[in-house]
Amino acid sequence: MSRSSVAKKLVAVDEELIEAMPQRRGLVPFDADDHVWRQQLRRERAGAYWFAAAKWGMLGLVVGACLGGFMMYVASTATVDIAADAVSRGQAIEAARSAVEQGLNRQPAPAP
């Protein structure tokens, strides 16, 4: 991280070239049409940046939704076997417990 007190200005490459042009340095008289032309180029470039950002943003959203859905499907299919095994074990334990309890209740009454 830079510790200088002067902030760096980030500019597009086109703006660096415009600043190097003699018209920008005041050597050539100001031309209104040239100014309008530069403003139009800046607007179009800004629109292109926004379009690209929106396109990549929507693409990321769609890819993320598809990837999330796929991963949820894989996770749910992987856990079905584990859940079925747990349910069958629980049923077997309950059946064994009830069989033991019924067996204890069937003992013959003690002889008088």
PDB file of N, CA and C in Angstrom:
ATOM      1  N   MET A   1       0.837  -1.166   0.000  1.00  0.00           N
ATOM      2  CA  MET A   1       0.000   0.000   0.000  1.00  0.00           C
ATOM      3  C   MET A   1       0.892   1.242   0.000  1.00  0.00           C
ATOM      4  N   SER A   2       0.527   2.180  -0.825  1.00  0.00           N
ATOM      5  CA  SER A   2       1.330   3.387  -0.942  1.00  0.00           C
ATOM      6  C   SER A   2       1.071   4.320   0.237  1.00  0.00           C
ATOM      7  N   ARG A   3       2.121   4.971   0.700  1.00  0.00           N
ATOM      8  CA  ARG A   3       1.984   5.894   1.826  1.00  0.00           C
ATOM      9  C   ARG A   3       2.067   7.345   1.364  1.00  0.00           C
ATOM     10  N   SER A   4       2.001   7.584   0.061  1.00  0.00           N
ATOM     11  CA  SER A   4       2.104   8.966  -0.392  1.00  0.00           C
ATOM     12  C   SER A   4       0.785   9.690  -0.134  1.00  0.00           C
ATOM     13  N   SER A   5       0.889  11.009   0.048  1.00  0.00           N
ATOM     14  CA  SER A   5      -0.304  11.799   0.330  1.00  0.00           C
ATOM     15  C   SER A   5      -1.077  12.144  -0.930  1.00  0.00           C
ATOM     16  N   VAL A   6      -0.487  11.886  -2.093  1.00  0.00           N
ATOM     17  CA  VAL A   6      -1.145  12.187  -3.355  1.00  0.00           C
ATOM     18  C   VAL A   6      -1.833  10.920  -3.855  1.00  0.00           C
ATOM     19  N   ALA A   7      -3.128  11.023  -4.103  1.00  0.00           N
ATOM     20  CA  ALA A   7      -3.885   9.863  -4.578  1.00  0.00           C
ATOM     21  C   ALA A   7      -3.611   9.651  -6.061  1.00  0.00           C
ATOM     22  N   LYS A   8      -3.529   8.415  -6.444  1.00  0.00           N
ATOM     23  CA  LYS A   8      -3.324   8.084  -7.855  1.00  0.00           C
ATOM     24  C   LYS A   8      -4.653   8.187  -8.575  1.00  0.00           C
ATOM     25  N   LYS A   9      -4.644   8.768  -9.752  1.00  0.00           N
ATOM     26  CA  LYS A   9      -5.859   8.891 -10.539  1.00  0.00           C
ATOM     27  C   LYS A   9      -5.863   7.791 -11.593  1.00  0.00           C
ATOM     28  N   LEU A  10      -6.874   6.951 -11.551  1.00  0.00           N
ATOM     29  CA  LEU A  10      -7.007   5.895 -12.540  1.00  0.00           C
ATOM     30  C   LEU A  10      -7.840   6.416 -13.693  1.00  0.00           C
ATOM     31  N   VAL A  11      -7.290   6.338 -14.904  1.00  0.00           N
ATOM     32  CA  VAL A  11      -8.010   6.807 -16.086  1.00  0.00           C
ATOM     33  C   VAL A  11      -7.917   5.741 -17.158  1.00  0.00           C
ATOM     34  N   ALA A  12      -8.876   5.783 -18.062  1.00  0.00           N
ATOM     35  CA  ALA A  12      -8.845   4.871 -19.194  1.00  0.00           C
ATOM     36  C   ALA A  12      -7.712   5.275 -20.128  1.00  0.00           C
ATOM     37  N   VAL A  13      -7.297   4.355 -20.965  1.00  0.00           N
ATOM     38  CA  VAL A  13      -6.184   4.621 -21.881  1.00  0.00           C
ATOM     39  C   VAL A  13      -6.542   5.742 -22.846  1.00  0.00           C
ATOM     40  N   ASP A  14      -7.822   5.775 -23.259  1.00  0.00           N
ATOM     41  CA  ASP A  14      -8.232   6.818 -24.205  1.00  0.00           C
ATOM     42  C   ASP A  14      -8.084   8.211 -23.604  1.00  0.00           C
ATOM     43  N   GLU A  15      -8.378   8.370 -22.321  1.00  0.00           N
ATOM     44  CA  GLU A  15      -8.252   9.677 -21.694  1.00  0.00           C
ATOM     45  C   GLU A  15      -6.787  10.101 -21.594  1.00  0.00           C
ATOM     46  N   GLU A  16      -5.901   9.145 -21.402  1.00  0.00           N
ATOM     47  CA  GLU A  16      -4.478   9.484 -21.375  1.00  0.00           C
ATOM     48  C   GLU A  16      -4.031   9.991 -22.738  1.00  0.00           C
ATOM     49  N   LEU A  17      -4.545   9.397 -23.794  1.00  0.00           N
ATOM     50  CA  LEU A  17      -4.180   9.855 -25.136  1.00  0.00           C
ATOM     51  C   LEU A  17      -4.765  11.229 -25.422  1.00  0.00           C
ATOM     52  N   ILE A  18      -5.981  11.481 -24.930  1.00  0.00           N
ATOM     53  CA  ILE A  18      -6.594  12.794 -25.161  1.00  0.00           C
ATOM     54  C   ILE A  18      -5.802  13.880 -24.451  1.00  0.00           C
ATOM     55  N   GLU A  19      -5.322  13.572 -23.235  1.00  0.00           N
ATOM     56  CA  GLU A  19      -4.543  14.570 -22.507  1.00  0.00           C
ATOM     57  C   GLU A  19      -3.213  14.867 -23.195  1.00  0.00           C
ATOM     58  N   ALA A  20      -2.706  13.938 -23.956  1.00  0.00           N
ATOM     59  CA  ALA A  20      -1.439  14.155 -24.660  1.00  0.00           C
ATOM     60  C   ALA A  20      -1.627  14.937 -25.960  1.00  0.00           C
ATOM     61  N   MET A  21      -2.897  15.097 -26.370  1.00  0.00           N
ATOM     62  CA  MET A  21      -3.151  15.804 -27.624  1.00  0.00           C
ATOM     63  C   MET A  21      -2.901  17.303 -27.434  1.00  0.00           C
ATOM     64  N   PRO A  22      -2.435  17.991 -28.461  1.00  0.00           N
ATOM     65  CA  PRO A  22      -2.133  19.424 -28.338  1.00  0.00           C
ATOM     66  C   PRO A  22      -3.381  20.264 -28.054  1.00  0.00           C
ATOM     67  N   GLN A  23      -4.549  19.840 -28.500  1.00  0.00           N
ATOM     68  CA  GLN A  23      -5.757  20.626 -28.260  1.00  0.00           C
ATOM     69  C   GLN A  23      -6.031  20.740 -26.765  1.00  0.00           C
ATOM     70  N   ARG A  24      -5.721  19.686 -26.007  1.00  0.00           N
ATOM     71  CA  ARG A  24      -6.005  19.685 -24.582  1.00  0.00           C
ATOM     72  C   ARG A  24      -5.024  20.578 -23.813  1.00  0.00           C
ATOM     73  N   ARG A  25      -3.854  20.788 -24.362  1.00  0.00           N
ATOM     74  CA  ARG A  25      -2.852  21.595 -23.664  1.00  0.00           C
ATOM     75  C   ARG A  25      -3.008  23.089 -23.951  1.00  0.00           C
ATOM     76  N   GLY A  26      -3.975  23.447 -24.786  1.00  0.00           N
ATOM     77  CA  GLY A  26      -4.217  24.859 -25.066  1.00  0.00           C
ATOM     78  C   GLY A  26      -3.399  25.409 -26.207  1.00  0.00           C
ATOM     79  N   LEU A  27      -2.697  24.586 -26.946  1.00  0.00           N
ATOM     80  CA  LEU A  27      -1.896  25.073 -28.064  1.00  0.00           C
ATOM     81  C   LEU A  27      -2.753  25.364 -29.291  1.00  0.00           C
ATOM     82  N   VAL A  28      -3.876  24.677 -29.375  1.00  0.00           N
ATOM     83  CA  VAL A  28      -4.780  24.872 -30.507  1.00  0.00           C
ATOM     84  C   VAL A  28      -6.070  25.471 -29.958  1.00  0.00           C
ATOM     85  N   PRO A  29      -6.689  26.394 -30.660  1.00  0.00           N
ATOM     86  CA  PRO A  29      -7.921  27.005 -30.157  1.00  0.00           C
ATOM     87  C   PRO A  29      -9.000  25.947 -29.903  1.00  0.00           C
ATOM     88  N   PHE A  30      -9.867  26.218 -28.911  1.00  0.00           N
ATOM     89  CA  PHE A  30     -10.932  25.301 -28.511  1.00  0.00           C
ATOM     90  C   PHE A  30     -11.954  25.187 -29.627  1.00  0.00           C
ATOM     91  N   ASP A  31     -12.328  23.979 -29.945  1.00  0.00           N
ATOM     92  CA  ASP A  31     -13.315  23.720 -30.990  1.00  0.00           C
ATOM     93  C   ASP A  31     -14.547  23.100 -30.332  1.00  0.00           C
ATOM     94  N   ALA A  32     -15.709  23.716 -30.482  1.00  0.00           N
ATOM     95  CA  ALA A  32     -16.945  23.239 -29.845  1.00  0.00           C
ATOM     96  C   ALA A  32     -17.352  21.875 -30.396  1.00  0.00           C
ATOM     97  N   ASP A  33     -17.195  21.690 -31.700  1.00  0.00           N
ATOM     98  CA  ASP A  33     -17.568  20.401 -32.284  1.00  0.00           C
ATOM     99  C   ASP A  33     -16.689  19.278 -31.736  1.00  0.00           C
ATOM    100  N   ASP A  34     -15.420  19.578 -31.568  1.00  0.00           N
ATOM    101  CA  ASP A  34     -14.507  18.585 -31.004  1.00  0.00           C
ATOM    102  C   ASP A  34     -14.918  18.237 -29.565  1.00  0.00           C
ATOM    103  N   HIS A  35     -15.325  19.242 -28.820  1.00  0.00           N
ATOM    104  CA  HIS A  35     -15.772  19.012 -27.438  1.00  0.00           C
ATOM    105  C   HIS A  35     -17.040  18.138 -27.414  1.00  0.00           C
ATOM    106  N   VAL A  36     -17.975  18.437 -28.287  1.00  0.00           N
ATOM    107  CA  VAL A  36     -19.210  17.635 -28.364  1.00  0.00           C
ATOM    108  C   VAL A  36     -18.869  16.209 -28.774  1.00  0.00           C
ATOM    109  N   TRP A  37     -17.943  16.083 -29.716  1.00  0.00           N
ATOM    110  CA  TRP A  37     -17.535  14.744 -30.174  1.00  0.00           C
ATOM    111  C   TRP A  37     -16.915  13.940 -29.023  1.00  0.00           C
ATOM    112  N   ARG A  38     -16.051  14.577 -28.229  1.00  0.00           N
ATOM    113  CA  ARG A  38     -15.448  13.883 -27.088  1.00  0.00           C
ATOM    114  C   ARG A  38     -16.484  13.496 -26.043  1.00  0.00           C
ATOM    115  N   GLN A  39     -17.440  14.382 -25.802  1.00  0.00           N
ATOM    116  CA  GLN A  39     -18.504  14.043 -24.855  1.00  0.00           C
ATOM    117  C   GLN A  39     -19.316  12.850 -25.346  1.00  0.00           C
ATOM    118  N   GLN A  40     -19.599  12.820 -26.630  1.00  0.00           N
ATOM    119  CA  GLN A  40     -20.358  11.692 -27.189  1.00  0.00           C
ATOM    120  C   GLN A  40     -19.566  10.386 -27.058  1.00  0.00           C
ATOM    121  N   LEU A  41     -18.272  10.447 -27.312  1.00  0.00           N
ATOM    122  CA  LEU A  41     -17.433   9.257 -27.161  1.00  0.00           C
ATOM    123  C   LEU A  41     -17.407   8.788 -25.707  1.00  0.00           C
ATOM    124  N   ARG A  42     -17.309   9.734 -24.781  1.00  0.00           N
ATOM    125  CA  ARG A  42     -17.321   9.365 -23.359  1.00  0.00           C
ATOM    126  C   ARG A  42     -18.645   8.713 -22.974  1.00  0.00           C
ATOM    127  N   ARG A  43     -19.764   9.272 -23.463  1.00  0.00           N
ATOM    128  CA  ARG A  43     -21.066   8.675 -23.167  1.00  0.00           C
ATOM    129  C   ARG A  43     -21.170   7.263 -23.730  1.00  0.00           C
ATOM    130  N   GLU A  44     -20.719   7.081 -24.958  1.00  0.00           N
ATOM    131  CA  GLU A  44     -20.785   5.745 -25.564  1.00  0.00           C
ATOM    132  C   GLU A  44     -19.880   4.764 -24.835  1.00  0.00           C
ATOM    133  N   ARG A  45     -18.695   5.228 -24.441  1.00  0.00           N
ATOM    134  CA  ARG A  45     -17.782   4.358 -23.714  1.00  0.00           C
ATOM    135  C   ARG A  45     -18.357   3.996 -22.349  1.00  0.00           C
ATOM    136  N   ALA A  46     -18.958   4.961 -21.665  1.00  0.00           N
ATOM    137  CA  ALA A  46     -19.585   4.676 -20.371  1.00  0.00           C
ATOM    138  C   ALA A  46     -20.743   3.695 -20.553  1.00  0.00           C
ATOM    139  N   GLY A  47     -21.518   3.873 -21.628  1.00  0.00           N
ATOM    140  CA  GLY A  47     -22.610   2.933 -21.902  1.00  0.00           C
ATOM    141  C   GLY A  47     -22.081   1.539 -22.176  1.00  0.00           C
ATOM    142  N   ALA A  48     -20.973   1.466 -22.887  1.00  0.00           N
ATOM    143  CA  ALA A  48     -20.383   0.150 -23.164  1.00  0.00           C
ATOM    144  C   ALA A  48     -19.884  -0.503 -21.882  1.00  0.00           C
ATOM    145  N   TYR A  49     -19.293   0.292 -20.981  1.00  0.00           N
ATOM    146  CA  TYR A  49     -18.849  -0.261 -19.701  1.00  0.00           C
ATOM    147  C   TYR A  49     -20.028  -0.779 -18.895  1.00  0.00           C
ATOM    148  N   TRP A  50     -21.117   0.009 -18.828  1.00  0.00           N
ATOM    149  CA  TRP A  50     -22.292  -0.426 -18.078  1.00  0.00           C
ATOM    150  C   TRP A  50     -22.899  -1.679 -18.704  1.00  0.00           C
ATOM    151  N   PHE A  51     -22.939  -1.732 -20.033  1.00  0.00           N
ATOM    152  CA  PHE A  51     -23.493  -2.914 -20.707  1.00  0.00           C
ATOM    153  C   PHE A  51     -22.656  -4.145 -20.389  1.00  0.00           C
ATOM    154  N   ALA A  52     -21.331  -4.001 -20.456  1.00  0.00           N
ATOM    155  CA  ALA A  52     -20.463  -5.145 -20.157  1.00  0.00           C
ATOM    156  C   ALA A  52     -20.620  -5.577 -18.707  1.00  0.00           C
ATOM    157  N   ALA A  53     -20.702  -4.620 -17.797  1.00  0.00           N
ATOM    158  CA  ALA A  53     -20.865  -4.966 -16.384  1.00  0.00           C
ATOM    159  C   ALA A  53     -22.198  -5.667 -16.151  1.00  0.00           C
ATOM    160  N   ALA A  54     -23.255  -5.175 -16.784  1.00  0.00           N
ATOM    161  CA  ALA A  54     -24.570  -5.803 -16.620  1.00  0.00           C
ATOM    162  C   ALA A  54     -24.579  -7.204 -17.228  1.00  0.00           C
ATOM    163  N   LYS A  55     -23.946  -7.334 -18.386  1.00  0.00           N
ATOM    164  CA  LYS A  55     -23.913  -8.644 -19.048  1.00  0.00           C
ATOM    165  C   LYS A  55     -23.161  -9.656 -18.203  1.00  0.00           C
ATOM    166  N   TRP A  56     -21.986  -9.288 -17.715  1.00  0.00           N
ATOM    167  CA  TRP A  56     -21.209 -10.212 -16.904  1.00  0.00           C
ATOM    168  C   TRP A  56     -21.878 -10.452 -15.558  1.00  0.00           C
ATOM    169  N   GLY A  57     -22.554  -9.437 -15.024  1.00  0.00           N
ATOM    170  CA  GLY A  57     -23.272  -9.625 -13.768  1.00  0.00           C
ATOM    171  C   GLY A  57     -24.413 -10.617 -13.918  1.00  0.00           C
ATOM    172  N   MET A  58     -25.192 -10.484 -14.979  1.00  0.00           N
ATOM    173  CA  MET A  58     -26.299 -11.412 -15.213  1.00  0.00           C
ATOM    174  C   MET A  58     -25.768 -12.810 -15.534  1.00  0.00           C
ATOM    175  N   LEU A  59     -24.675 -12.874 -16.282  1.00  0.00           N
ATOM    176  CA  LEU A  59     -24.085 -14.182 -16.573  1.00  0.00           C
ATOM    177  C   LEU A  59     -23.621 -14.854 -15.286  1.00  0.00           C
ATOM    178  N   GLY A  60     -23.001 -14.097 -14.397  1.00  0.00           N
ATOM    179  CA  GLY A  60     -22.574 -14.652 -13.114  1.00  0.00           C
ATOM    180  C   GLY A  60     -23.755 -15.103 -12.278  1.00  0.00           C
ATOM    181  N   LEU A  61     -24.851 -14.336 -12.318  1.00  0.00           N
ATOM    182  CA  LEU A  61     -26.049 -14.711 -11.575  1.00  0.00           C
ATOM    183  C   LEU A  61     -26.628 -16.015 -12.099  1.00  0.00           C
ATOM    184  N   VAL A  62     -26.723 -16.156 -13.412  1.00  0.00           N
ATOM    185  CA  VAL A  62     -27.283 -17.377 -14.006  1.00  0.00           C
ATOM    186  C   VAL A  62     -26.372 -18.576 -13.741  1.00  0.00           C
ATOM    187  N   VAL A  63     -25.076 -18.399 -13.922  1.00  0.00           N
ATOM    188  CA  VAL A  63     -24.137 -19.499 -13.672  1.00  0.00           C
ATOM    189  C   VAL A  63     -24.169 -19.889 -12.199  1.00  0.00           C
ATOM    190  N   GLY A  64     -24.232 -18.913 -11.305  1.00  0.00           N
ATOM    191  CA  GLY A  64     -24.312 -19.208  -9.879  1.00  0.00           C
ATOM    192  C   GLY A  64     -25.581 -19.956  -9.512  1.00  0.00           C
ATOM    193  N   ALA A  65     -26.708 -19.565 -10.109  1.00  0.00           N
ATOM    194  CA  ALA A  65     -27.974 -20.261  -9.823  1.00  0.00           C
ATOM    195  C   ALA A  65     -27.919 -21.701 -10.342  1.00  0.00           C
ATOM    196  N   CYS A  66     -27.393 -21.884 -11.537  1.00  0.00           N
ATOM    197  CA  CYS A  66     -27.290 -23.246 -12.102  1.00  0.00           C
ATOM    198  C   CYS A  66     -26.341 -24.105 -11.262  1.00  0.00           C
ATOM    199  N   LEU A  67     -25.215 -23.549 -10.904  1.00  0.00           N
ATOM    200  CA  LEU A  67     -24.243 -24.298 -10.098  1.00  0.00           C
ATOM    201  C   LEU A  67     -24.813 -24.616  -8.722  1.00  0.00           C
ATOM    202  N   GLY A  68     -25.513 -23.669  -8.110  1.00  0.00           N
ATOM    203  CA  GLY A  68     -26.131 -23.910  -6.813  1.00  0.00           C
ATOM    204  C   GLY A  68     -27.207 -24.983  -6.889  1.00  0.00           C
ATOM    205  N   GLY A  69     -28.032 -24.945  -7.929  1.00  0.00           N
ATOM    206  CA  GLY A  69     -29.049 -25.977  -8.108  1.00  0.00           C
ATOM    207  C   GLY A  69     -28.438 -27.350  -8.307  1.00  0.00           C
ATOM    208  N   PHE A  70     -27.391 -27.409  -9.103  1.00  0.00           N
ATOM    209  CA  PHE A  70     -26.730 -28.697  -9.336  1.00  0.00           C
ATOM    210  C   PHE A  70     -26.120 -29.241  -8.054  1.00  0.00           C
ATOM    211  N   MET A  71     -25.469 -28.379  -7.294  1.00  0.00           N
ATOM    212  CA  MET A  71     -24.852 -28.835  -6.048  1.00  0.00           C
ATOM    213  C   MET A  71     -25.907 -29.275  -5.031  1.00  0.00           C
ATOM    214  N   MET A  72     -27.051 -28.592  -4.991  1.00  0.00           N
ATOM    215  CA  MET A  72     -28.127 -29.025  -4.098  1.00  0.00           C
ATOM    216  C   MET A  72     -28.664 -30.388  -4.528  1.00  0.00           C
ATOM    217  N   TYR A  73     -28.781 -30.613  -5.834  1.00  0.00           N
ATOM    218  CA  TYR A  73     -29.247 -31.905  -6.332  1.00  0.00           C
ATOM    219  C   TYR A  73     -28.257 -33.013  -5.956  1.00  0.00           C
ATOM    220  N   VAL A  74     -26.978 -32.767  -6.149  1.00  0.00           N
ATOM    221  CA  VAL A  74     -25.960 -33.769  -5.814  1.00  0.00           C
ATOM    222  C   VAL A  74     -25.978 -34.060  -4.318  1.00  0.00           C
ATOM    223  N   ALA A  75     -26.093 -33.017  -3.505  1.00  0.00           N
ATOM    224  CA  ALA A  75     -26.114 -33.217  -2.054  1.00  0.00           C
ATOM    225  C   ALA A  75     -27.353 -33.997  -1.624  1.00  0.00           C
ATOM    226  N   SER A  76     -28.493 -33.699  -2.234  1.00  0.00           N
ATOM    227  CA  SER A  76     -29.721 -34.400  -1.830  1.00  0.00           C
ATOM    228  C   SER A  76     -29.694 -35.857  -2.280  1.00  0.00           C
ATOM    229  N   THR A  77     -29.169 -36.137  -3.461  1.00  0.00           N
ATOM    230  CA  THR A  77     -29.104 -37.545  -3.900  1.00  0.00           C
ATOM    231  C   THR A  77     -28.065 -38.322  -3.093  1.00  0.00           C
ATOM    232  N   ALA A  78     -27.034 -37.650  -2.623  1.00  0.00           N
ATOM    233  CA  ALA A  78     -26.015 -38.341  -1.826  1.00  0.00           C
ATOM    234  C   ALA A  78     -26.543 -38.674  -0.436  1.00  0.00           C
ATOM    235  N   THR A  79     -27.427 -37.848   0.089  1.00  0.00           N
ATOM    236  CA  THR A  79     -27.930 -38.081   1.444  1.00  0.00           C
ATOM    237  C   THR A  79     -29.140 -38.997   1.485  1.00  0.00           C
ATOM    238  N   VAL A  80     -29.744 -39.331   0.350  1.00  0.00           N
ATOM    239  CA  VAL A  80     -30.924 -40.209   0.344  1.00  0.00           C
ATOM    240  C   VAL A  80     -30.551 -41.591   0.873  1.00  0.00           C
ATOM    241  N   ASP A  81     -29.435 -42.143   0.444  1.00  0.00           N
ATOM    242  CA  ASP A  81     -29.017 -43.472   0.921  1.00  0.00           C
ATOM    243  C   ASP A  81     -28.744 -43.463   2.426  1.00  0.00           C
ATOM    244  N   ILE A  82     -28.103 -42.422   2.903  1.00  0.00           N
ATOM    245  CA  ILE A  82     -27.805 -42.336   4.332  1.00  0.00           C
ATOM    246  C   ILE A  82     -29.100 -42.240   5.139  1.00  0.00           C
ATOM    247  N   ALA A  83     -30.040 -41.425   4.665  1.00  0.00           N
ATOM    248  CA  ALA A  83     -31.306 -41.270   5.378  1.00  0.00           C
ATOM    249  C   ALA A  83     -32.113 -42.562   5.353  1.00  0.00           C
ATOM    250  N   ALA A  84     -32.139 -43.256   4.216  1.00  0.00           N
ATOM    251  CA  ALA A  84     -32.883 -44.522   4.128  1.00  0.00           C
ATOM    252  C   ALA A  84     -32.263 -45.563   5.059  1.00  0.00           C
ATOM    253  N   ASP A  85     -30.950 -45.608   5.128  1.00  0.00           N
ATOM    254  CA  ASP A  85     -30.269 -46.545   6.028  1.00  0.00           C
ATOM    255  C   ASP A  85     -30.599 -46.232   7.486  1.00  0.00           C
ATOM    256  N   ALA A  86     -30.616 -44.960   7.842  1.00  0.00           N
ATOM    257  CA  ALA A  86     -30.935 -44.571   9.219  1.00  0.00           C
ATOM    258  C   ALA A  86     -32.367 -44.938   9.577  1.00  0.00           C
ATOM    259  N   VAL A  87     -33.293 -44.741   8.647  1.00  0.00           N
ATOM    260  CA  VAL A  87     -34.698 -45.093   8.912  1.00  0.00           C
ATOM    261  C   VAL A  87     -34.855 -46.593   9.069  1.00  0.00           C
ATOM    262  N   SER A  88     -34.214 -47.374   8.188  1.00  0.00           N
ATOM    263  CA  SER A  88     -34.346 -48.832   8.296  1.00  0.00           C
ATOM    264  C   SER A  88     -33.720 -49.356   9.587  1.00  0.00           C
ATOM    265  N   ARG A  89     -32.603 -48.775  10.001  1.00  0.00           N
ATOM    266  CA  ARG A  89     -32.002 -49.183  11.277  1.00  0.00           C
ATOM    267  C   ARG A  89     -32.914 -48.838  12.450  1.00  0.00           C
ATOM    268  N   GLY A  90     -33.506 -47.684  12.407  1.00  0.00           N
ATOM    269  CA  GLY A  90     -34.438 -47.297  13.466  1.00  0.00           C
ATOM    270  C   GLY A  90     -35.635 -48.223  13.544  1.00  0.00           C
ATOM    271  N   GLN A  91     -36.142 -48.620  12.377  1.00  0.00           N
ATOM    272  CA  GLN A  91     -37.270 -49.549  12.369  1.00  0.00           C
ATOM    273  C   GLN A  91     -36.849 -50.914  12.904  1.00  0.00           C
ATOM    274  N   ALA A  92     -35.655 -51.368  12.552  1.00  0.00           N
ATOM    275  CA  ALA A  92     -35.176 -52.665  13.046  1.00  0.00           C
ATOM    276  C   ALA A  92     -34.984 -52.624  14.560  1.00  0.00           C
ATOM    277  N   ILE A  93     -34.451 -51.528  15.072  1.00  0.00           N
ATOM    278  CA  ILE A  93     -34.262 -51.399  16.523  1.00  0.00           C
ATOM    279  C   ILE A  93     -35.614 -51.392  17.234  1.00  0.00           C
ATOM    280  N   GLU A  94     -36.556 -50.659  16.683  1.00  0.00           N
ATOM    281  CA  GLU A  94     -37.888 -50.601  17.290  1.00  0.00           C
ATOM    282  C   GLU A  94     -38.567 -51.962  17.247  1.00  0.00           C
ATOM    283  N   ALA A  95     -38.425 -52.699  16.142  1.00  0.00           N
ATOM    284  CA  ALA A  95     -39.012 -54.043  16.039  1.00  0.00           C
ATOM    285  C   ALA A  95     -38.371 -54.990  17.053  1.00  0.00           C
ATOM    286  N   ALA A  96     -37.061 -54.905  17.219  1.00  0.00           N
ATOM    287  CA  ALA A  96     -36.377 -55.764  18.191  1.00  0.00           C
ATOM    288  C   ALA A  96     -36.810 -55.412  19.606  1.00  0.00           C
ATOM    289  N   ARG A  97     -36.931 -54.131  19.900  1.00  0.00           N
ATOM    290  CA  ARG A  97     -37.361 -53.711  21.234  1.00  0.00           C
ATOM    291  C   ARG A  97     -38.782 -54.201  21.543  1.00  0.00           C
ATOM    292  N   SER A  98     -39.676 -54.046  20.581  1.00  0.00           N
ATOM    293  CA  SER A  98     -41.058 -54.494  20.812  1.00  0.00           C
ATOM    294  C   SER A  98     -41.133 -56.017  20.934  1.00  0.00           C
ATOM    295  N   ALA A  99     -40.292 -56.749  20.193  1.00  0.00           N
ATOM    296  CA  ALA A  99     -40.280 -58.213  20.292  1.00  0.00           C
ATOM    297  C   ALA A  99     -39.804 -58.652  21.668  1.00  0.00           C
ATOM    298  N   VAL A 100     -38.789 -57.980  22.199  1.00  0.00           N
ATOM    299  CA  VAL A 100     -38.285 -58.315  23.531  1.00  0.00           C
ATOM    300  C   VAL A 100     -39.346 -58.005  24.584  1.00  0.00           C
ATOM    301  N   GLU A 101     -39.995 -56.846  24.451  1.00  0.00           N
ATOM    302  CA  GLU A 101     -41.027 -56.490  25.426  1.00  0.00           C
ATOM    303  C   GLU A 101     -42.209 -57.453  25.378  1.00  0.00           C
ATOM    304  N   GLN A 102     -42.597 -57.880  24.190  1.00  0.00           N
ATOM    305  CA  GLN A 102     -43.692 -58.850  24.083  1.00  0.00           C
ATOM    306  C   GLN A 102     -43.263 -60.213  24.610  1.00  0.00           C
ATOM    307  N   GLY A 103     -42.034 -60.576  24.432  1.00  0.00           N
ATOM    308  CA  GLY A 103     -41.519 -61.848  24.941  1.00  0.00           C
ATOM    309  C   GLY A 103     -41.514 -61.870  26.457  1.00  0.00           C
ATOM    310  N   LEU A 104     -41.188 -60.758  27.098  1.00  0.00           N
ATOM    311  CA  LEU A 104     -41.199 -60.683  28.547  1.00  0.00           C
ATOM    312  C   LEU A 104     -42.637 -60.750  29.084  1.00  0.00           C
ATOM    313  N   ASN A 105     -43.565 -60.224  28.339  1.00  0.00           N
ATOM    314  CA  ASN A 105     -44.971 -60.248  28.788  1.00  0.00           C
ATOM    315  C   ASN A 105     -45.602 -61.616  28.612  1.00  0.00           C
ATOM    316  N   ARG A 106     -45.046 -62.483  27.759  1.00  0.00           N
ATOM    317  CA  ARG A 106     -45.629 -63.791  27.493  1.00  0.00           C
ATOM    318  C   ARG A 106     -45.178 -64.864  28.476  1.00  0.00           C
ATOM    319  N   GLN A 107     -44.349 -64.533  29.377  1.00  0.00           N
ATOM    320  CA  GLN A 107     -43.876 -65.565  30.314  1.00  0.00           C
ATOM    321  C   GLN A 107     -45.079 -66.142  31.081  1.00  0.00           C
ATOM    322  N   PRO A 108     -45.017 -67.420  31.261  1.00  0.00           N
ATOM    323  CA  PRO A 108     -46.160 -68.022  31.969  1.00  0.00           C
ATOM    324  C   PRO A 108     -46.216 -67.548  33.416  1.00  0.00           C
ATOM    325  N   ALA A 109     -47.402 -67.526  33.904  1.00  0.00           N
ATOM    326  CA  ALA A 109     -47.600 -67.115  35.289  1.00  0.00           C
ATOM    327  C   ALA A 109     -46.972 -68.139  36.220  1.00  0.00           C
ATOM    328  N   PRO A 110     -46.393 -67.702  37.318  1.00  0.00           N
ATOM    329  CA  PRO A 110     -45.785 -68.670  38.234  1.00  0.00           C
ATOM    330  C   PRO A 110     -46.835 -69.625  38.813  1.00  0.00           C
ATOM    331  N   ALA A 111     -46.421 -70.869  39.005  1.00  0.00           N
ATOM    332  CA  ALA A 111     -47.337 -71.896  39.538  1.00  0.00           C
ATOM    333  C   ALA A 111     -47.697 -71.579  40.980  1.00  0.00           C
ATOM    334  N   PRO A 112     -48.980 -71.800  41.362  1.00  0.00           N
ATOM    335  CA  PRO A 112     -49.345 -71.511  42.743  1.00  0.00           C
ATOM    336  C   PRO A 112     -48.828 -72.523  43.720  1.00  0.00           C
TER     337      PRO A 112
END
